[in-house]
Amino acid sequence: MIMQLANPSLIPRNWMMREAYLSAGGGALTGDSELDDAENVDFGKVRELLEILEDPCRDFAKENIDIDKRFLGRCPFEYQGIPGLAFLS
């Protein structure tokens, strides 16, 4: 029980940050073609990550908190094998 309170159930990963960055309009700033339209800006992913990171030791699955289920598992398939997103060096 004590370890569950001290260990995060969610660890922020680069792929999570990238999705939040792109959905918030980051692609327009960098010339990333995935998001270059200001009309598509959505801060929902950023808000979701901020809420999660306020208390990453919560048991999101047990508390039935509505978050992206991919956050609780392994790296999603679409990011596997991509350096910097799935793994570092």
Protein backbone atom coordinates (compact mmCIF):
# COMPACT_ATOMS: atom_id res chain seq x y z
CA MET A 1 0.00 0.00 0.00
CA ILE A 2 2.79 2.45 0.90
CA MET A 3 4.59 1.78 -2.38
CA GLN A 4 1.38 2.48 -4.33
CA LEU A 5 1.21 5.91 -2.72
CA ALA A 6 4.83 6.69 -3.60
CA ASN A 7 5.08 5.21 -7.10
CA PRO A 8 3.31 6.90 -10.00
CA SER A 9 0.74 4.87 -11.89
CA LEU A 10 1.44 7.07 -14.88
CA ILE A 11 4.82 8.28 -16.09
CA PRO A 12 4.83 11.03 -18.72
CA ARG A 13 6.34 9.82 -21.95
CA ASN A 14 7.56 11.72 -24.99
CA TRP A 15 4.75 10.45 -27.21
CA MET A 16 2.17 11.83 -24.76
CA MET A 17 3.84 15.24 -24.78
CA ARG A 18 4.07 15.23 -28.58
CA GLU A 19 0.34 14.55 -28.97
CA ALA A 20 -0.54 17.33 -26.54
CA TYR A 21 1.89 19.72 -28.24
CA LEU A 22 0.53 19.04 -31.72
CA SER A 23 -3.11 19.24 -30.66
CA ALA A 24 -2.42 22.62 -29.04
CA GLY A 25 -1.05 24.08 -32.25
CA GLY A 26 2.61 23.22 -31.87
CA GLY A 27 2.82 22.03 -35.46
CA ALA A 28 2.03 25.51 -36.75
CA LEU A 29 5.00 26.90 -34.86
CA THR A 30 7.46 24.32 -36.15
CA GLY A 31 6.15 23.88 -39.67
CA ASP A 32 5.02 20.34 -38.83
CA SER A 33 2.58 19.34 -41.53
CA GLU A 34 0.50 17.27 -39.10
CA LEU A 35 -1.02 20.42 -37.69
CA ASP A 36 -0.61 23.68 -39.52
CA ASP A 37 -4.16 24.99 -39.31
CA ALA A 38 -5.02 27.33 -36.42
CA GLU A 39 -8.65 26.18 -36.59
CA ASN A 40 -7.65 22.73 -35.36
CA VAL A 41 -6.12 23.94 -32.09
CA ASP A 42 -7.41 21.94 -29.14
CA PHE A 43 -6.03 22.19 -25.61
CA GLY A 44 -7.96 19.12 -24.39
CA LYS A 45 -4.91 16.84 -24.40
CA VAL A 46 -2.82 19.47 -22.61
CA ARG A 47 -5.48 19.86 -19.91
CA GLU A 48 -5.80 16.09 -19.55
CA LEU A 49 -2.04 15.70 -19.06
CA LEU A 50 -1.92 18.57 -16.58
CA GLU A 51 -4.72 17.02 -14.54
CA ILE A 52 -2.98 13.63 -14.55
CA LEU A 53 0.41 15.04 -13.64
CA GLU A 54 -0.99 16.95 -10.65
CA ASP A 55 -1.19 13.57 -8.89
CA PRO A 56 0.42 10.81 -10.97
CA CYS A 57 0.27 8.36 -8.03
CA ARG A 58 -3.52 8.10 -8.20
CA ASP A 59 -4.93 4.77 -9.25
CA PHE A 60 -6.76 6.01 -12.34
CA ALA A 61 -8.09 2.59 -13.30
CA LYS A 62 -9.40 1.83 -9.80
CA GLU A 63 -10.96 5.28 -9.37
CA ASN A 64 -12.60 4.93 -12.79
CA ILE A 65 -11.25 8.30 -13.90
CA ASP A 66 -11.81 8.99 -17.58
CA ILE A 67 -8.36 9.37 -19.15
CA ASP A 68 -6.86 8.12 -22.40
CA LYS A 69 -6.37 4.41 -21.66
CA ARG A 70 -3.18 4.41 -23.74
CA PHE A 71 -1.55 6.44 -20.95
CA LEU A 72 -1.75 3.44 -18.63
CA GLY A 73 -0.20 0.87 -20.93
CA ARG A 74 2.82 0.34 -23.09
CA CYS A 75 3.84 2.63 -25.91
CA PRO A 76 1.06 2.68 -28.53
CA PHE A 77 1.71 0.75 -31.73
CA GLU A 78 1.87 3.88 -33.90
CA TYR A 79 4.89 5.14 -31.93
CA GLN A 80 6.80 1.88 -31.52
CA GLY A 81 10.18 1.98 -33.17
CA ILE A 82 10.32 5.79 -33.44
CA PRO A 83 13.42 7.15 -31.70
CA GLY A 84 12.60 9.94 -29.30
CA LEU A 85 8.98 8.85 -28.94
CA ALA A 86 9.14 5.16 -28.11
CA PHE A 87 12.65 5.12 -26.71
CA LEU A 88 15.67 7.32 -26.24
CA SER A 89 19.00 6.56 -27.93
